[in-house]
Structures are given as C-alpha cells and as structure tokens.
C-alpha atoms as a PDB file:
ATOM      1  CA  MET A   1       3.512  79.669 -55.379  1.00  0.00           C
ATOM      2  CA  GLY A   2       7.222  78.929 -55.970  1.00  0.00           C
ATOM      3  CA  LYS A   3       7.580  79.286 -59.769  1.00  0.00           C
ATOM      4  CA  ASN A   4       5.296  80.562 -62.820  1.00  0.00           C
ATOM      5  CA  GLU A   5       2.611  78.033 -63.816  1.00  0.00           C
ATOM      6  CA  TYR A   6      -0.148  77.408 -66.415  1.00  0.00           C
ATOM      7  CA  GLN A   7      -3.704  76.502 -66.040  1.00  0.00           C
ATOM      8  CA  ASN A   8      -5.703  75.046 -69.049  1.00  0.00           C
ATOM      9  CA  LEU A   9      -9.252  74.330 -69.196  1.00  0.00           C
ATOM     10  CA  ASN A  10     -10.877  72.400 -72.199  1.00  0.00           C
ATOM     11  CA  LEU A  11     -14.585  72.094 -71.857  1.00  0.00           C
ATOM     12  CA  SER A  12     -16.254  70.128 -74.556  1.00  0.00           C
ATOM     13  CA  VAL A  13     -20.196  69.464 -74.595  1.00  0.00           C
ATOM     14  CA  PHE A  14     -22.994  67.832 -76.784  1.00  0.00           C
ATOM     15  CA  SER A  15     -26.503  67.659 -76.780  1.00  0.00           C
ATOM     16  CA  LYS A  16     -28.210  64.387 -75.558  1.00  0.00           C
ATOM     17  CA  ASN A  17     -30.544  63.971 -79.323  1.00  0.00           C
ATOM     18  CA  ASN A  18     -27.135  65.022 -80.904  1.00  0.00           C
ATOM     19  CA  ALA A  19     -24.050  63.115 -79.575  1.00  0.00           C
ATOM     20  CA  GLN A  20     -21.914  63.095 -82.653  1.00  0.00           C
ATOM     21  CA  GLU A  21     -21.963  67.159 -82.688  1.00  0.00           C
ATOM     22  CA  ASN A  22     -19.798  68.184 -80.136  1.00  0.00           C
ATOM     23  CA  GLN A  23     -18.946  72.082 -78.964  1.00  0.00           C
ATOM     24  CA  ALA A  24     -15.575  72.873 -77.219  1.00  0.00           C
ATOM     25  CA  ALA A  25     -14.075  75.886 -75.648  1.00  0.00           C
ATOM     26  CA  TYR A  26     -10.637  76.329 -74.274  1.00  0.00           C
ATOM     27  CA  SER A  27      -8.885  78.654 -72.016  1.00  0.00           C
ATOM     28  CA  SER A  28      -5.206  78.992 -70.738  1.00  0.00           C
ATOM     29  CA  ILE A  29      -4.199  81.382 -67.493  1.00  0.00           C
ATOM     30  CA  LYS A  30      -0.587  81.880 -66.749  1.00  0.00           C
ATOM     31  CA  ILE A  31      -0.126  82.608 -62.959  1.00  0.00           C
ATOM     32  CA  ILE A  32       2.772  84.372 -62.272  1.00  0.00           C
ATOM     33  CA  SER A  33       4.701  84.100 -58.867  1.00  0.00           C
ATOM     34  CA  VAL A  34       5.005  86.652 -56.510  1.00  0.00           C
ATOM     35  CA  LYS A  35       8.070  85.399 -54.559  1.00  0.00           C
ATOM     36  CA  PRO A  36       9.713  82.944 -57.149  1.00  0.00           C
ATOM     37  CA  VAL A  37      12.096  80.341 -55.809  1.00  0.00           C
ATOM     38  CA  GLU A  38      15.534  80.323 -57.624  1.00  0.00           C
ATOM     39  CA  GLU A  39      16.217  76.932 -58.801  1.00  0.00           C
ATOM     40  CA  ASP A  40      19.214  75.477 -61.059  1.00  0.00           C
ATOM     41  CA  ILE A  41      17.413  72.865 -63.258  1.00  0.00           C
ATOM     42  CA  TYR A  42      20.938  72.357 -64.532  1.00  0.00           C
ATOM     43  CA  HIS A  43      22.476  71.000 -61.506  1.00  0.00           C
ATOM     44  CA  ARG A  44      23.054  67.253 -62.070  1.00  0.00           C
ATOM     45  CA  PHE A  45      25.047  64.381 -60.121  1.00  0.00           C
ATOM     46  CA  PRO A  46      24.648  61.477 -63.085  1.00  0.00           C
ATOM     47  CA  VAL A  47      25.503  58.091 -61.724  1.00  0.00           C
ATOM     48  CA  SER A  48      25.462  54.990 -63.979  1.00  0.00           C
ATOM     49  CA  ALA A  49      25.739  51.212 -63.182  1.00  0.00           C
ATOM     50  CA  SER A  50      25.944  48.045 -65.103  1.00  0.00           C
ATOM     51  CA  VAL A  51      26.307  44.131 -65.005  1.00  0.00           C
ATOM     52  CA  SER A  52      28.080  42.256 -67.747  1.00  0.00           C
ATOM     53  CA  MET A  53      27.763  38.374 -67.969  1.00  0.00           C
ATOM     54  CA  ILE A  54      31.517  37.261 -69.361  1.00  0.00           C
ATOM     55  CA  GLY A  55      32.325  33.885 -70.522  1.00  0.00           C
ATOM     56  CA  MET A  56      35.620  32.608 -71.993  1.00  0.00           C
ATOM     57  CA  GLN A  57      36.688  28.888 -72.953  1.00  0.00           C
ATOM     58  CA  ASN A  58      40.511  28.635 -73.268  1.00  0.00           C
ATOM     59  CA  ARG A  59      42.070  25.374 -73.749  1.00  0.00           C
ATOM     60  CA  GLY A  60      38.709  23.105 -73.181  1.00  0.00           C
ATOM     61  CA  HIS A  61      37.848  25.074 -69.908  1.00  0.00           C
ATOM     62  CA  TYR A  62      34.917  27.418 -69.717  1.00  0.00           C
ATOM     63  CA  ASP A  63      35.189  29.976 -67.110  1.00  0.00           C
ATOM     64  CA  SER A  64      32.144  32.817 -66.766  1.00  0.00           C
ATOM     65  CA  GLY A  65      30.538  34.955 -64.448  1.00  0.00           C
ATOM     66  CA  PHE A  66      29.351  38.498 -63.571  1.00  0.00           C
ATOM     67  CA  GLN A  67      30.962  41.804 -63.341  1.00  0.00           C
ATOM     68  CA  GLY A  68      29.308  45.077 -62.120  1.00  0.00           C
ATOM     69  CA  GLU A  69      30.406  48.647 -62.659  1.00  0.00           C
ATOM     70  CA  LEU A  70      29.379  51.855 -61.222  1.00  0.00           C
ATOM     71  CA  TYR A  71      30.400  55.512 -62.068  1.00  0.00           C
ATOM     72  CA  GLY A  72      29.690  58.923 -60.942  1.00  0.00           C
ATOM     73  CA  LYS A  73      30.627  62.360 -61.364  1.00  0.00           C
ATOM     74  CA  GLY A  74      29.539  65.543 -60.403  1.00  0.00           C
ATOM     75  CA  SER A  75      29.178  69.067 -58.506  1.00  0.00           C
ATOM     76  CA  LEU A  76      27.948  68.921 -54.784  1.00  0.00           C
ATOM     77  CA  ASP A  77      26.831  72.592 -55.102  1.00  0.00           C
ATOM     78  CA  ASN A  78      25.079  74.739 -57.714  1.00  0.00           C
ATOM     79  CA  GLU A  79      28.296  76.650 -58.257  1.00  0.00           C
ATOM     80  CA  ASN A  80      30.243  73.848 -59.791  1.00  0.00           C
ATOM     81  CA  LYS A  81      32.740  74.239 -56.581  1.00  0.00           C
ATOM     82  CA  ASN A  82      32.600  70.885 -55.095  1.00  0.00           C
ATOM     83  CA  LEU A  83      33.576  67.863 -57.587  1.00  0.00           C
ATOM     84  CA  LEU A  84      33.002  64.293 -56.778  1.00  0.00           C
ATOM     85  CA  GLU A  85      33.928  61.214 -59.024  1.00  0.00           C
ATOM     86  CA  PHE A  86      33.657  57.885 -57.943  1.00  0.00           C
ATOM     87  CA  HIS A  87      34.191  54.553 -59.930  1.00  0.00           C
ATOM     88  CA  ALA A  88      34.244  50.652 -58.959  1.00  0.00           C
ATOM     89  CA  VAL A  89      34.646  47.966 -61.134  1.00  0.00           C
ATOM     90  CA  THR A  90      34.211  44.650 -59.459  1.00  0.00           C
ATOM     91  CA  LYS A  91      36.929  41.289 -60.027  1.00  0.00           C
ATOM     92  CA  ASN A  92      36.975  40.386 -63.450  1.00  0.00           C
ATOM     93  CA  PRO A  93      35.353  36.605 -63.095  1.00  0.00           C
ATOM     94  CA  VAL A  94      37.486  35.396 -66.081  1.00  0.00           C
ATOM     95  CA  ASP A  95      41.397  34.915 -65.250  1.00  0.00           C
ATOM     96  CA  PHE A  96      43.848  35.922 -67.845  1.00  0.00           C
ATOM     97  CA  ASN A  97      41.329  37.883 -69.998  1.00  0.00           C
ATOM     98  CA  SER A  98      42.478  41.477 -71.527  1.00  0.00           C
ATOM     99  CA  PHE A  99      39.387  42.305 -73.514  1.00  0.00           C
ATOM    100  CA  THR A 100      37.367  43.410 -70.157  1.00  0.00           C
ATOM    101  CA  GLN A 101      37.877  45.604 -67.703  1.00  0.00           C
ATOM    102  CA  TYR A 102      40.008  45.043 -64.623  1.00  0.00           C
ATOM    103  CA  GLU A 103      39.008  45.273 -61.004  1.00  0.00           C
ATOM    104  CA  GLU A 104      39.309  49.262 -60.196  1.00  0.00           C
ATOM    105  CA  TYR A 105      38.162  51.153 -56.961  1.00  0.00           C
ATOM    106  CA  PHE A 106      38.470  54.494 -56.358  1.00  0.00           C
ATOM    107  CA  VAL A 107      37.116  57.821 -55.104  1.00  0.00           C
ATOM    108  CA  ASN A 108      38.170  61.905 -55.655  1.00  0.00           C
ATOM    109  CA  TYR A 109      37.046  65.171 -54.181  1.00  0.00           C
ATOM    110  CA  LYS A 110      38.030  68.508 -55.861  1.00  0.00           C
ATOM    111  CA  ASN A 111      37.535  72.327 -55.254  1.00  0.00           C
ATOM    112  CA  GLU A 112      39.422  75.289 -55.608  1.00  0.00           C
ATOM    113  CA  ASN A 113      42.214  74.594 -53.215  1.00  0.00           C
ATOM    114  CA  LEU A 114      42.448  71.055 -52.453  1.00  0.00           C
ATOM    115  CA  TRP A 115      42.203  67.754 -54.644  1.00  0.00           C
ATOM    116  CA  VAL A 116      41.882  64.427 -52.626  1.00  0.00           C
ATOM    117  CA  HIS A 117      42.088  60.854 -54.281  1.00  0.00           C
ATOM    118  CA  LEU A 118      41.604  57.630 -52.797  1.00  0.00           C
ATOM    119  CA  GLY A 119      41.981  54.279 -54.762  1.00  0.00           C
ATOM    120  CA  ASP A 120      43.049  53.020 -58.053  1.00  0.00           C
ATOM    121  CA  LYS A 121      45.185  55.611 -60.262  1.00  0.00           C
ATOM    122  CA  ASN A 122      48.362  56.189 -62.541  1.00  0.00           C
ATOM    123  CA  TYR A 123      50.435  57.990 -59.554  1.00  0.00           C
ATOM    124  CA  PHE A 124      52.668  60.080 -60.977  1.00  0.00           C
ATOM    125  CA  ALA A 125      56.180  61.873 -59.580  1.00  0.00           C
ATOM    126  CA  SER A 126      58.732  62.918 -62.252  1.00  0.00           C
ATOM    127  CA  PHE A 127      59.653  61.718 -65.875  1.00  0.00           C
ATOM    128  CA  LEU A 128      62.923  60.667 -64.276  1.00  0.00           C
ATOM    129  CA  THR A 129      62.170  59.035 -61.259  1.00  0.00           C
ATOM    130  CA  GLU A 130      58.373  57.606 -61.290  1.00  0.00           C
ATOM    131  CA  TYR A 131      56.150  58.188 -64.509  1.00  0.00           C
ATOM    132  CA  ALA A 132      52.426  57.153 -64.524  1.00  0.00           C
ATOM    133  CA  ARG A 133      52.877  53.670 -62.320  1.00  0.00           C
ATOM    134  CA  TYR A 134      49.702  51.866 -61.671  1.00  0.00           C
ATOM    135  CA  GLY A 135      48.485  51.162 -58.232  1.00  0.00           C
ATOM    136  CA  ARG A 136      46.369  51.727 -54.889  1.00  0.00           C
ATOM    137  CA  GLY A 137      46.977  54.029 -52.781  1.00  0.00           C
ATOM    138  CA  ALA A 138      45.970  57.860 -51.577  1.00  0.00           C
ATOM    139  CA  GLU A 139      46.884  61.258 -52.998  1.00  0.00           C
ATOM    140  CA  ILE A 140      46.429  65.035 -51.589  1.00  0.00           C
ATOM    141  CA  ARG A 141      47.304  67.992 -53.008  1.00  0.00           C
ATOM    142  CA  PHE A 142      46.770  72.071 -51.951  1.00  0.00           C
ATOM    143  CA  ASP A 143      46.675  74.565 -54.603  1.00  0.00           C
ATOM    144  CA  PHE A 144      47.074  78.161 -54.112  1.00  0.00           C
ATOM    145  CA  LYS A 145      47.780  81.456 -56.135  1.00  0.00           C
ATOM    146  CA  LYS A 146      51.323  80.459 -56.940  1.00  0.00           C
ATOM    147  CA  ILE A 147      52.142  77.499 -54.883  1.00  0.00           C
ATOM    148  CA  SER A 148      51.091  74.038 -54.959  1.00  0.00           C
ATOM    149  CA  PHE A 149      52.048  71.049 -52.505  1.00  0.00           C
ATOM    150  CA  GLY A 150      51.188  67.668 -51.686  1.00  0.00           C
ATOM    151  CA  GLY A 151      51.991  64.037 -51.872  1.00  0.00           C
ATOM    152  CA  PHE A 152      50.827  60.247 -52.335  1.00  0.00           C
ATOM    153  CA  TYR A 153      51.399  56.826 -51.365  1.00  0.00           C
ATOM    154  CA  ASN A 154      51.244  54.206 -53.856  1.00  0.00           C
ATOM    155  CA  HIS A 155      51.042  50.035 -53.245  1.00  0.00           C
ATOM    156  CA  LEU A 156      51.845  49.259 -56.833  1.00  0.00           C
ATOM    157  CA  ARG A 157      49.493  46.218 -58.903  1.00  0.00           C
ATOM    158  CA  PHE A 158      50.710  44.737 -61.845  1.00  0.00           C
ATOM    159  CA  PHE A 159      54.451  45.453 -60.960  1.00  0.00           C
ATOM    160  CA  ARG A 160      56.628  42.671 -59.373  1.00  0.00           C
ATOM    161  CA  ASP A 161      59.821  44.456 -58.458  1.00  0.00           C
ATOM    162  CA  ILE A 162      58.427  47.612 -56.383  1.00  0.00           C
ATOM    163  CA  LYS A 163      56.069  47.061 -53.487  1.00  0.00           C
ATOM    164  CA  ASP A 164      55.398  50.732 -52.033  1.00  0.00           C
ATOM    165  CA  GLU A 165      55.969  54.166 -53.060  1.00  0.00           C
ATOM    166  CA  PHE A 166      56.019  57.734 -50.907  1.00  0.00           C
ATOM    167  CA  ASN A 167      56.408  61.058 -52.750  1.00  0.00           C
ATOM    168  CA  ILE A 168      56.140  64.545 -51.487  1.00  0.00           C
ATOM    169  CA  TYR A 169      56.407  67.550 -53.648  1.00  0.00           C
ATOM    170  CA  SER A 170      55.948  71.532 -53.623  1.00  0.00           C
ATOM    171  CA  LYS A 171      55.522  73.292 -56.901  1.00  0.00           C
ATOM    172  CA  LEU A 172      56.049  76.887 -57.438  1.00  0.00           C
ATOM    173  CA  LYS A 173      54.436  78.670 -60.486  1.00  0.00           C
ATOM    174  CA  ILE A 174      56.017  81.343 -62.551  1.00  0.00           C
ATOM    175  CA  GLY A 175      53.798  83.447 -64.610  1.00  0.00           C
ATOM    176  CA  LYS A 176      50.744  81.883 -66.382  1.00  0.00           C
ATOM    177  CA  GLN A 177      52.717  78.559 -68.352  1.00  0.00           C
ATOM    178  CA  SER A 178      56.238  78.424 -66.102  1.00  0.00           C
ATOM    179  CA  GLU A 179      56.600  76.445 -62.911  1.00  0.00           C
ATOM    180  CA  ILE A 180      59.210  74.875 -61.150  1.00  0.00           C
ATOM    181  CA  THR A 181      58.929  71.499 -59.092  1.00  0.00           C
ATOM    182  CA  ALA A 182      60.672  70.108 -56.152  1.00  0.00           C
ATOM    183  CA  GLY A 183      60.081  66.640 -54.632  1.00  0.00           C
ATOM    184  CA  TYR A 184      61.212  63.569 -52.880  1.00  0.00           C
ATOM    185  CA  LEU A 185      60.375  60.057 -53.980  1.00  0.00           C
ATOM    186  CA  TYR A 186      60.903  57.030 -51.474  1.00  0.00           C
ATOM    187  CA  LYS A 187      60.551  53.685 -52.936  1.00  0.00           C
ATOM    188  CA  ILE A 188      60.378  49.935 -51.364  1.00  0.00           C
ATOM    189  CA  PRO A 189      61.538  46.865 -53.401  1.00  0.00           C
ATOM    190  CA  ARG A 190      59.566  43.740 -53.054  1.00  0.00           C
ATOM    191  CA  ALA A 191      61.905  41.858 -51.233  1.00  0.00           C
ATOM    192  CA  GLU A 192      59.966  38.163 -51.826  1.00  0.00           C
ATOM    193  CA  SER A 193      60.083  38.559 -55.441  1.00  0.00           C
ATOM    194  CA  THR A 194      62.216  35.921 -57.149  1.00  0.00           C
ATOM    195  CA  ASP A 195      60.838  36.270 -60.645  1.00  0.00           C
ATOM    196  CA  ILE A 196      63.030  36.504 -63.551  1.00  0.00           C
ATOM    197  CA  THR A 197      62.740  40.047 -65.276  1.00  0.00           C
ATOM    198  CA  PHE A 198      63.466  41.544 -68.950  1.00  0.00           C
ATOM    199  CA  TYR A 199      65.999  43.548 -67.322  1.00  0.00           C
ATOM    200  CA  SER A 200      69.343  43.362 -65.495  1.00  0.00           C
ATOM    201  CA  MET A 201      68.636  46.283 -62.933  1.00  0.00           C
ATOM    202  CA  ARG A 202      66.621  45.532 -59.740  1.00  0.00           C
ATOM    203  CA  LEU A 203      66.183  47.475 -56.792  1.00  0.00           C
ATOM    204  CA  ASP A 204      68.627  45.967 -54.105  1.00  0.00           C
ATOM    205  CA  SER A 205      67.416  48.082 -50.837  1.00  0.00           C
ATOM    206  CA  ASN A 206      65.222  51.223 -50.480  1.00  0.00           C
ATOM    207  CA  ALA A 207      65.744  53.859 -52.817  1.00  0.00           C
ATOM    208  CA  HIS A 208      65.563  57.797 -52.225  1.00  0.00           C
ATOM    209  CA  LEU A 209      65.056  59.684 -55.183  1.00  0.00           C
ATOM    210  CA  PRO A 210      64.859  63.689 -54.725  1.00  0.00           C
ATOM    211  CA  TYR A 211      64.293  65.754 -58.016  1.00  0.00           C
ATOM    212  CA  LEU A 212      63.846  69.047 -59.334  1.00  0.00           C
ATOM    213  CA  ALA A 213      62.052  70.263 -62.520  1.00  0.00           C
ATOM    214  CA  GLY A 214      61.053  72.971 -64.453  1.00  0.00           C
ATOM    215  CA  LYS A 215      59.258  74.233 -67.207  1.00  0.00           C
ATOM    216  CA  PHE A 216      59.524  77.489 -69.081  1.00  0.00           C
ATOM    217  CA  ASN A 217      57.900  79.718 -71.389  1.00  0.00           C
ATOM    218  CA  ILE A 218      60.391  81.835 -73.026  1.00  0.00           C
ATOM    219  CA  ASN A 219      57.507  83.227 -75.663  1.00  0.00           C
ATOM    220  CA  LYS A 220      54.558  81.910 -77.563  1.00  0.00           C
ATOM    221  CA  ASN A 221      56.365  79.786 -79.970  1.00  0.00           C
ATOM    222  CA  LEU A 222      59.343  78.421 -77.584  1.00  0.00           C
ATOM    223  CA  GLU A 223      59.147  76.229 -74.536  1.00  0.00           C
ATOM    224  CA  ILE A 224      61.765  74.768 -72.551  1.00  0.00           C
ATOM    225  CA  SER A 225      61.520  71.717 -70.000  1.00  0.00           C
ATOM    226  CA  GLY A 226      64.257  69.749 -67.627  1.00  0.00           C
ATOM    227  CA  GLU A 227      64.629  67.766 -64.695  1.00  0.00           C
ATOM    228  CA  THR A 228      67.547  66.571 -62.848  1.00  0.00           C
ATOM    229  CA  SER A 229      67.258  63.650 -60.333  1.00  0.00           C
ATOM    230  CA  TYR A 230      69.519  61.603 -57.712  1.00  0.00           C
ATOM    231  CA  SER A 231      69.005  58.142 -56.727  1.00  0.00           C
ATOM    232  CA  LYS A 232      70.919  56.288 -54.148  1.00  0.00           C
ATOM    233  CA  THR A 233      70.359  52.828 -52.612  1.00  0.00           C
ATOM    234  CA  GLU A 234      72.523  50.658 -50.341  1.00  0.00           C
ATOM    235  CA  LYS A 235      75.066  49.527 -53.192  1.00  0.00           C
ATOM    236  CA  THR A 236      74.409  52.297 -55.836  1.00  0.00           C
ATOM    237  CA  ASP A 237      74.062  55.855 -56.444  1.00  0.00           C
ATOM    238  CA  GLY A 238      73.564  58.331 -59.539  1.00  0.00           C
ATOM    239  CA  THR A 239      72.138  61.336 -61.308  1.00  0.00           C
ATOM    240  CA  ALA A 240      70.056  61.755 -64.038  1.00  0.00           C
ATOM    241  CA  PHE A 241      69.475  64.941 -66.447  1.00  0.00           C
ATOM    242  CA  MET A 242      66.904  65.985 -69.030  1.00  0.00           C
ATOM    243  CA  ILE A 243      66.355  68.893 -71.018  1.00  0.00           C
ATOM    244  CA  GLN A 244      63.817  69.290 -73.825  1.00  0.00           C
ATOM    245  CA  THR A 245      62.965  72.094 -76.252  1.00  0.00           C
ATOM    246  CA  ILE A 246      59.779  72.854 -78.101  1.00  0.00           C
ATOM    247  CA  ALA A 247      59.131  75.397 -80.878  1.00  0.00           C
ATOM    248  CA  ASN A 248      55.794  75.748 -82.324  1.00  0.00           C
ATOM    249  CA  TYR A 249      55.258  77.862 -85.391  1.00  0.00           C
ATOM    250  CA  GLU A 250      52.323  78.192 -87.410  1.00  0.00           C
ATOM    251  CA  LYS A 251      53.455  75.575 -90.116  1.00  0.00           C
ATOM    252  CA  ILE A 252      55.906  73.703 -88.219  1.00  0.00           C
ATOM    253  CA  LYS A 253      56.792  71.983 -85.148  1.00  0.00           C
ATOM    254  CA  GLU A 254      60.092  70.831 -83.583  1.00  0.00           C
ATOM    255  CA  MET A 255      61.550  68.788 -80.526  1.00  0.00           C
END
C-alpha cells in the first residue's frame, strides 16, 4: 500500500418477526503503510477558461459575438522551481469597445536563472528611452548571483509612430538593493504612417539609444537613482539626464 488507509465496517441486523428493532455494530481499523509513497498534495497547476457573449448597439448598429479566454499559472515541479504562465484572449467581436478585454496572447517560463516571455506584454528598457510600451514580441533574461543580462524584440501595438524595437542590456548588482544597468535600444519608425499626432516630434529615421542607469541605497532611509541616455538619428541627436532621491522616515517621505 502506498499510504495509510482506514477500513470501516458497519453491520446492522434485525429479526424477521420484529423488523423495526435493529441491532448495529461498528468497527474501524487503521492500516499503516510499511513503505509510504511521498506525494505533494498541494502541487497544483490551475487553469481557467471562459466564454463571454458580447453585444453593443452604437448609433443604430448592433454588433455581437463571443470572446474566449484561457489562463493558467503554476509550477511544473513539486519544488516550485519551474514556473509556467500562459494567457489567451480572442479578438473582441465589438469594435471600439473599451469595456471588454482586447486580444492578447502570451506564455512565459521562469526558473532560478532563466526567464523567457513570448507574446504580448509591456516591454521596458529604461525611463528615458522606452518605458512600458505595449507590444507583441519576445524577451529573455539570464539571472546569476551578481549579474543579469538579456534583451527583447517588440513589435508595437496601439502606437503608430514606432514599428519595431530591439533592446539588449546587462545589470550588475551591488549589495542587496543597489544595481547598475547598461543597455542599448534600437527603434525603427513606421515609415508608412501619415497620421496626425498630438506632438511635433516624430522619428525621421532609425534611432540609436544607449543608456546607463543606476540605483543606490545609501542607508535604510535614503535611496538615489539616476540615468543618462543618448539618442541619435540621421538628423538629430541629444543627451538626457535624470536623478531622483527618495528619503523614507517613520512619519515622512520625501522625493
């Protein structure tokens, strides 16, 4: 037997002449396994699926249809060292509707030294170069004790001026909460875009953006972070700087 078990015996009898008067006997026996099998009863990989019926009437025109969603997140082993997550949302059947989810597909995998993402997400390079731009692409990161390096490719969605982005970076950890990041971002504009934008700056050609960022914890109350980046296209070039100080005390916080 692989695990301990209980065997319950319940006996009920009655006489033929008096069927309403029962006599009952109950016995319980615990059987202990000699060589029990170790099982992780808490190891789970939950997956949820749903289908929504969506309908909207706009200016006398009614659109409707179904939208499906599939989501799963969990560990591939009992030690929780290999984590997998996936999400799929089909296309919204109603155009120009902001009350339901938009189409999204992604899968990512993570262990102690590797993180891989394929599909849609907010891709991030740095605050001065590209901050959380949503798109469809791929990202990979290798993590070691004091150094991390990786990169991503992002094909932008919902943004008309930039078509593709490539980023590579390396991060050096100094102590527990201090780090220095050096990277390079390459932007490719969408040449066929002729739409009017709300700002006058538009990429005239491919852009090269090397950057250097750092975050330093001076003590438990004071943190200093900063970044410098350089941008160059065929017609323009420039340098940007940023520095930020955060002070945390028991009853006050300053930035």
